PDB file of N, CA and C in Angstrom:
ATOM      1  N   MET A   1       9.807  90.592 -32.118  1.00  0.00           N
ATOM      2  CA  MET A   1       9.315  89.527 -33.635  1.00  0.00           C
ATOM      3  C   MET A   1       7.979  90.577 -34.148  1.00  0.00           C
ATOM      4  N   LYS A   2       6.835  89.414 -32.891  1.00  0.00           N
ATOM      5  CA  LYS A   2       5.731  89.566 -33.440  1.00  0.00           C
ATOM      6  C   LYS A   2       4.615  91.129 -33.984  1.00  0.00           C
ATOM      7  N   THR A   3       5.556  91.628 -33.361  1.00  0.00           N
ATOM      8  CA  THR A   3       4.840  93.395 -34.237  1.00  0.00           C
ATOM      9  C   THR A   3       5.214  93.427 -36.127  1.00  0.00           C
ATOM     10  N   LYS A   4       6.601  93.179 -36.098  1.00  0.00           N
ATOM     11  CA  LYS A   4       7.218  93.195 -37.587  1.00  0.00           C
ATOM     12  C   LYS A   4       6.483  92.174 -38.423  1.00  0.00           C
ATOM     13  N   ASN A   5       6.143  90.738 -37.915  1.00  0.00           N
ATOM     14  CA  ASN A   5       5.102  89.246 -38.467  1.00  0.00           C
ATOM     15  C   ASN A   5       4.019  90.109 -38.798  1.00  0.00           C
ATOM     16  N   THR A   6       2.880  91.053 -37.522  1.00  0.00           N
ATOM     17  CA  THR A   6       2.055  91.756 -37.447  1.00  0.00           C
ATOM     18  C   THR A   6       1.515  92.799 -38.588  1.00  0.00           C
ATOM     19  N   LEU A   7       3.134  94.063 -38.872  1.00  0.00           N
ATOM     20  CA  LEU A   7       2.851  94.288 -39.657  1.00  0.00           C
ATOM     21  C   LEU A   7       3.229  93.980 -40.848  1.00  0.00           C
ATOM     22  N   TYR A   8       3.705  92.681 -41.589  1.00  0.00           N
ATOM     23  CA  TYR A   8       3.562  92.009 -42.512  1.00  0.00           C
ATOM     24  C   TYR A   8       2.379  91.526 -42.991  1.00  0.00           C
ATOM     25  N   THR A   9       1.439  91.332 -41.770  1.00  0.00           N
ATOM     26  CA  THR A   9       0.491  90.941 -42.346  1.00  0.00           C
ATOM     27  C   THR A   9      -0.486  92.051 -42.761  1.00  0.00           C
ATOM     28  N   LEU A  10      -0.941  92.894 -41.713  1.00  0.00           N
ATOM     29  CA  LEU A  10      -1.290  93.628 -42.184  1.00  0.00           C
ATOM     30  C   LEU A  10      -1.367  94.169 -43.776  1.00  0.00           C
ATOM     31  N   CYS A  11      -0.139  94.782 -43.607  1.00  0.00           N
ATOM     32  CA  CYS A  11       0.702  95.465 -45.391  1.00  0.00           C
ATOM     33  C   CYS A  11      -0.229  94.424 -46.318  1.00  0.00           C
ATOM     34  N   LEU A  12       0.285  93.090 -46.049  1.00  0.00           N
ATOM     35  CA  LEU A  12      -0.251  92.301 -47.034  1.00  0.00           C
ATOM     36  C   LEU A  12      -1.925  92.304 -47.078  1.00  0.00           C
ATOM     37  N   PHE A  13      -2.505  92.345 -46.251  1.00  0.00           N
ATOM     38  CA  PHE A  13      -4.390  92.283 -46.398  1.00  0.00           C
ATOM     39  C   PHE A  13      -4.583  93.385 -46.703  1.00  0.00           C
ATOM     40  N   LEU A  14      -4.113  94.455 -46.936  1.00  0.00           N
ATOM     41  CA  LEU A  14      -4.812  95.916 -47.349  1.00  0.00           C
ATOM     42  C   LEU A  14      -4.107  95.864 -48.363  1.00  0.00           C
ATOM     43  N   MET A  15      -2.723  94.539 -49.118  1.00  0.00           N
ATOM     44  CA  MET A  15      -2.862  95.093 -50.973  1.00  0.00           C
ATOM     45  C   MET A  15      -4.082  94.301 -51.339  1.00  0.00           C
ATOM     46  N   LEU A  16      -4.022  93.102 -50.963  1.00  0.00           N
ATOM     47  CA  LEU A  16      -4.880  92.275 -51.253  1.00  0.00           C
ATOM     48  C   LEU A  16      -6.252  93.024 -51.729  1.00  0.00           C
ATOM     49  N   THR A  17      -6.684  93.487 -50.514  1.00  0.00           N
ATOM     50  CA  THR A  17      -7.993  93.814 -50.231  1.00  0.00           C
ATOM     51  C   THR A  17      -8.259  95.436 -51.945  1.00  0.00           C
ATOM     52  N   ILE A  18      -7.171  96.129 -51.645  1.00  0.00           N
ATOM     53  CA  ILE A  18      -7.489  97.232 -52.812  1.00  0.00           C
ATOM     54  C   ILE A  18      -6.874  96.533 -53.957  1.00  0.00           C
ATOM     55  N   GLY A  19      -6.311  95.786 -54.316  1.00  0.00           N
ATOM     56  CA  GLY A  19      -6.083  95.341 -55.225  1.00  0.00           C
ATOM     57  C   GLY A  19      -7.360  94.535 -55.738  1.00  0.00           C
ATOM     58  N   PHE A  20      -8.267  93.685 -54.878  1.00  0.00           N
ATOM     59  CA  PHE A  20      -9.423  93.237 -55.454  1.00  0.00           C
ATOM     60  C   PHE A  20     -10.499  94.369 -55.787  1.00  0.00           C
ATOM     61  N   SER A  21     -10.910  95.654 -54.735  1.00  0.00           N
ATOM     62  CA  SER A  21     -11.639  96.207 -54.769  1.00  0.00           C
ATOM     63  C   SER A  21     -11.761  97.167 -56.239  1.00  0.00           C
ATOM     64  N   SER A  22     -10.510  97.432 -56.876  1.00  0.00           N
ATOM     65  CA  SER A  22      -9.919  97.683 -58.022  1.00  0.00           C
ATOM     66  C   SER A  22     -10.607  97.350 -58.889  1.00  0.00           C
ATOM     67  N   LEU A  23     -10.627  95.529 -58.622  1.00  0.00           N
ATOM     68  CA  LEU A  23     -10.359  94.582 -59.835  1.00  0.00           C
ATOM     69  C   LEU A  23     -12.473  94.383 -59.947  1.00  0.00           C
ATOM     70  N   ALA A  24     -12.735  94.597 -59.123  1.00  0.00           N
ATOM     71  CA  ALA A  24     -14.222  94.902 -59.439  1.00  0.00           C
ATOM     72  C   ALA A  24     -14.610  96.033 -59.575  1.00  0.00           C
ATOM     73  N   ALA A  25     -14.242  97.266 -59.414  1.00  0.00           N
ATOM     74  CA  ALA A  25     -14.398  98.382 -59.624  1.00  0.00           C
ATOM     75  C   ALA A  25     -14.491  98.472 -61.031  1.00  0.00           C
ATOM     76  N   THR A  26     -13.652  98.218 -62.066  1.00  0.00           N
ATOM     77  CA  THR A  26     -13.061  98.049 -63.418  1.00  0.00           C
ATOM     78  C   THR A  26     -13.601  97.108 -64.182  1.00  0.00           C
ATOM     79  N   SER A  27     -14.291  96.160 -63.747  1.00  0.00           N
ATOM     80  CA  SER A  27     -15.183  94.980 -64.282  1.00  0.00           C
ATOM     81  C   SER A  27     -16.347  95.036 -65.572  1.00  0.00           C
ATOM     82  N   ASN A  28     -16.653  94.273 -66.667  1.00  0.00           N
ATOM     83  CA  ASN A  28     -16.984  94.650 -67.379  1.00  0.00           C
ATOM     84  C   ASN A  28     -18.663  93.835 -67.636  1.00  0.00           C
ATOM     85  N   ASN A  29     -18.552  93.496 -66.458  1.00  0.00           N
ATOM     86  CA  ASN A  29     -19.427  92.644 -65.796  1.00  0.00           C
ATOM     87  C   ASN A  29     -20.973  93.753 -65.215  1.00  0.00           C
ATOM     88  N   GLN A  30     -20.487  95.176 -65.435  1.00  0.00           N
ATOM     89  CA  GLN A  30     -21.612  96.225 -65.027  1.00  0.00           C
ATOM     90  C   GLN A  30     -23.237  95.576 -65.771  1.00  0.00           C
ATOM     91  N   ILE A  31     -24.062  96.241 -64.803  1.00  0.00           N
ATOM     92  CA  ILE A  31     -25.252  96.559 -65.419  1.00  0.00           C
ATOM     93  C   ILE A  31     -25.654  97.596 -66.212  1.00  0.00           C
ATOM     94  N   THR A  32     -26.323  96.850 -67.649  1.00  0.00           N
ATOM     95  CA  THR A  32     -26.278  97.919 -68.151  1.00  0.00           C
ATOM     96  C   THR A  32     -27.963  97.843 -68.846  1.00  0.00           C
ATOM     97  N   PHE A  33     -28.735  98.884 -69.435  1.00  0.00           N
ATOM     98  CA  PHE A  33     -30.264  98.747 -69.685  1.00  0.00           C
ATOM     99  C   PHE A  33     -30.268  98.718 -71.221  1.00  0.00           C
ATOM    100  N   PRO A  34     -31.208  98.271 -71.709  1.00  0.00           N
ATOM    101  CA  PRO A  34     -31.720  98.212 -73.086  1.00  0.00           C
ATOM    102  C   PRO A  34     -32.308  99.865 -73.563  1.00  0.00           C
ATOM    103  N   ASP A  35     -31.553 100.179 -74.507  1.00  0.00           N
ATOM    104  CA  ASP A  35     -31.757 101.445 -74.871  1.00  0.00           C
ATOM    105  C   ASP A  35     -32.780 102.426 -74.856  1.00  0.00           C
ATOM    106  N   ASP A  36     -33.881 101.445 -74.566  1.00  0.00           N
ATOM    107  CA  ASP A  36     -35.410 102.013 -74.963  1.00  0.00           C
ATOM    108  C   ASP A  36     -36.145 102.228 -73.716  1.00  0.00           C
ATOM    109  N   VAL A  37     -35.059 102.034 -72.306  1.00  0.00           N
ATOM    110  CA  VAL A  37     -35.606 102.305 -71.464  1.00  0.00           C
ATOM    111  C   VAL A  37     -35.508 104.267 -71.214  1.00  0.00           C
ATOM    112  N   ASP A  38     -36.702 104.640 -70.644  1.00  0.00           N
ATOM    113  CA  ASP A  38     -36.870 105.606 -70.337  1.00  0.00           C
ATOM    114  C   ASP A  38     -35.981 106.981 -68.923  1.00  0.00           C
ATOM    115  N   ASP A  39     -35.078 107.228 -68.972  1.00  0.00           N
ATOM    116  CA  ASP A  39     -33.759 107.176 -67.231  1.00  0.00           C
ATOM    117  C   ASP A  39     -33.703 108.774 -67.214  1.00  0.00           C
ATOM    118  N   GLU A  40     -34.933 109.529 -68.228  1.00  0.00           N
ATOM    119  CA  GLU A  40     -35.004 110.998 -67.914  1.00  0.00           C
ATOM    120  C   GLU A  40     -35.651 111.010 -66.330  1.00  0.00           C
ATOM    121  N   ALA A  41     -35.516 112.062 -65.774  1.00  0.00           N
ATOM    122  CA  ALA A  41     -36.207 112.079 -64.141  1.00  0.00           C
ATOM    123  C   ALA A  41     -37.150 113.535 -64.492  1.00  0.00           C
ATOM    124  N   PRO A  42     -38.556 112.766 -64.032  1.00  0.00           N
ATOM    125  CA  PRO A  42     -39.086 113.750 -64.274  1.00  0.00           C
ATOM    126  C   PRO A  42     -39.173 115.036 -63.927  1.00  0.00           C
ATOM    127  N   VAL A  43     -39.558 116.694 -64.063  1.00  0.00           N
ATOM    128  CA  VAL A  43     -39.370 117.752 -63.807  1.00  0.00           C
ATOM    129  C   VAL A  43     -40.247 117.459 -62.385  1.00  0.00           C
ATOM    130  N   ALA A  44     -39.351 118.482 -61.687  1.00  0.00           N
ATOM    131  CA  ALA A  44     -40.650 118.841 -59.763  1.00  0.00           C
ATOM    132  C   ALA A  44     -40.484 120.215 -59.783  1.00  0.00           C
ATOM    133  N   PRO A  45     -42.100 120.815 -59.937  1.00  0.00           N
ATOM    134  CA  PRO A  45     -42.146 121.536 -59.593  1.00  0.00           C
ATOM    135  C   PRO A  45     -41.390 122.261 -58.297  1.00  0.00           C
ATOM    136  N   ILE A  46     -40.916 123.238 -58.111  1.00  0.00           N
ATOM    137  CA  ILE A  46     -40.943 124.191 -57.072  1.00  0.00           C
ATOM    138  C   ILE A  46     -41.032 125.279 -56.430  1.00  0.00           C
ATOM    139  N   ASP A  47     -41.891 125.383 -55.992  1.00  0.00           N
ATOM    140  CA  ASP A  47     -42.852 127.406 -55.996  1.00  0.00           C
ATOM    141  C   ASP A  47     -42.756 127.923 -55.005  1.00  0.00           C
ATOM    142  N   GLY A  48     -43.170 128.588 -54.455  1.00  0.00           N
ATOM    143  CA  GLY A  48     -42.777 129.282 -53.450  1.00  0.00           C
ATOM    144  C   GLY A  48     -42.459 129.260 -51.838  1.00  0.00           C
ATOM    145  N   PHE A  49     -43.089 127.781 -51.679  1.00  0.00           N
ATOM    146  CA  PHE A  49     -42.975 127.753 -50.187  1.00  0.00           C
ATOM    147  C   PHE A  49     -41.612 127.129 -49.740  1.00  0.00           C
ATOM    148  N   VAL A  50     -40.632 126.777 -50.383  1.00  0.00           N
ATOM    149  CA  VAL A  50     -39.501 127.021 -50.113  1.00  0.00           C
ATOM    150  C   VAL A  50     -38.652 128.149 -49.477  1.00  0.00           C
ATOM    151  N   VAL A  51     -39.275 129.452 -49.992  1.00  0.00           N
ATOM    152  CA  VAL A  51     -38.864 130.989 -49.627  1.00  0.00           C
ATOM    153  C   VAL A  51     -39.316 130.615 -48.323  1.00  0.00           C
ATOM    154  N   VAL A  52     -40.601 130.384 -47.710  1.00  0.00           N
ATOM    155  CA  VAL A  52     -41.774 130.816 -46.701  1.00  0.00           C
ATOM    156  C   VAL A  52     -40.764 129.845 -45.638  1.00  0.00           C
ATOM    157  N   GLY A  53     -40.467 128.382 -45.879  1.00  0.00           N
ATOM    158  CA  GLY A  53     -40.120 127.186 -45.206  1.00  0.00           C
ATOM    159  C   GLY A  53     -38.150 127.919 -44.689  1.00  0.00           C
ATOM    160  N   ILE A  54     -37.393 128.652 -45.775  1.00  0.00           N
ATOM    161  CA  ILE A  54     -36.155 129.225 -44.902  1.00  0.00           C
ATOM    162  C   ILE A  54     -36.654 129.896 -44.427  1.00  0.00           C
ATOM    163  N   ALA A  55     -37.467 131.021 -44.801  1.00  0.00           N
ATOM    164  CA  ALA A  55     -37.694 132.281 -43.301  1.00  0.00           C
ATOM    165  C   ALA A  55     -38.526 131.907 -42.476  1.00  0.00           C
ATOM    166  N   VAL A  56     -39.134 130.405 -42.106  1.00  0.00           N
ATOM    167  CA  VAL A  56     -39.469 130.169 -40.969  1.00  0.00           C
ATOM    168  C   VAL A  56     -38.464 129.297 -40.570  1.00  0.00           C
ATOM    169  N   GLY A  57     -37.803 128.519 -40.858  1.00  0.00           N
ATOM    170  CA  GLY A  57     -36.338 127.926 -40.332  1.00  0.00           C
ATOM    171  C   GLY A  57     -35.929 129.084 -39.745  1.00  0.00           C
ATOM    172  N   ALA A  58     -35.178 130.458 -40.776  1.00  0.00           N
ATOM    173  CA  ALA A  58     -34.259 131.085 -39.981  1.00  0.00           C
ATOM    174  C   ALA A  58     -34.743 131.814 -39.029  1.00  0.00           C
ATOM    175  N   ILE A  59     -36.369 131.897 -38.487  1.00  0.00           N
ATOM    176  CA  ILE A  59     -37.294 132.212 -37.533  1.00  0.00           C
ATOM    177  C   ILE A  59     -36.819 131.670 -36.374  1.00  0.00           C
ATOM    178  N   LEU A  60     -37.479 130.032 -36.359  1.00  0.00           N
ATOM    179  CA  LEU A  60     -36.953 129.539 -35.007  1.00  0.00           C
ATOM    180  C   LEU A  60     -35.777 129.245 -34.727  1.00  0.00           C
ATOM    181  N   GLY A  61     -34.828 129.556 -35.625  1.00  0.00           N
ATOM    182  CA  GLY A  61     -33.480 129.125 -35.432  1.00  0.00           C
ATOM    183  C   GLY A  61     -32.771 130.293 -34.843  1.00  0.00           C
ATOM    184  N   SER A  62     -33.286 131.439 -35.100  1.00  0.00           N
ATOM    185  CA  SER A  62     -32.360 132.326 -34.099  1.00  0.00           C
ATOM    186  C   SER A  62     -33.724 132.697 -32.492  1.00  0.00           C
ATOM    187  N   ARG A  63     -34.518 132.681 -32.436  1.00  0.00           N
ATOM    188  CA  ARG A  63     -35.345 131.873 -31.746  1.00  0.00           C
ATOM    189  C   ARG A  63     -34.674 131.280 -30.484  1.00  0.00           C
ATOM    190  N   LYS A  64     -33.729 129.556 -31.172  1.00  0.00           N
ATOM    191  CA  LYS A  64     -33.676 128.841 -30.029  1.00  0.00           C
ATOM    192  C   LYS A  64     -32.104 128.852 -29.881  1.00  0.00           C
ATOM    193  N   HIS A  65     -31.405 130.100 -30.546  1.00  0.00           N
ATOM    194  CA  HIS A  65     -30.441 130.194 -30.297  1.00  0.00           C
ATOM    195  C   HIS A  65     -29.904 131.210 -29.455  1.00  0.00           C
ATOM    196  N   PRO A  66     -28.708 130.547 -28.185  1.00  0.00           N
ATOM    197  CA  PRO A  66     -28.835 131.232 -27.200  1.00  0.00           C
ATOM    198  C   PRO A  66     -28.025 132.504 -27.257  1.00  0.00           C
ATOM    199  N   LYS A  67     -28.418 132.779 -26.114  1.00  0.00           N
ATOM    200  CA  LYS A  67     -28.141 134.469 -26.212  1.00  0.00           C
ATOM    201  C   LYS A  67     -26.788 134.765 -25.622  1.00  0.00           C
ATOM    202  N   ASN A  68     -26.024 135.997 -26.290  1.00  0.00           N
ATOM    203  CA  ASN A  68     -24.581 136.305 -25.966  1.00  0.00           C
ATOM    204  C   ASN A  68     -24.575 136.244 -24.070  1.00  0.00           C
ATOM    205  N   LYS A  69     -23.939 135.268 -23.509  1.00  0.00           N
ATOM    206  CA  LYS A  69     -23.684 135.491 -21.909  1.00  0.00           C
ATOM    207  C   LYS A  69     -22.857 135.912 -21.469  1.00  0.00           C
ATOM    208  N   MET A  70     -22.505 137.064 -22.025  1.00  0.00           N
ATOM    209  CA  MET A  70     -21.497 138.312 -21.796  1.00  0.00           C
ATOM    210  C   MET A  70     -21.557 139.414 -20.229  1.00  0.00           C
TER     211      MET A  70
END
């Protein structure tokens, strides 16, 4: 009988948790900003060092990779 009571309590707890979390996610009290806020991200320059970094990582990775032990 104790297992049935524990299962009932667990189901009740899960239903309440899911119910309250869905209410919190759809509330109308979410944070809003005024229209004069500049919310565009600045452009980040990506140069040739990305290719150099990938090449160095591939070389270091191939050196650390264990050889076949057959």
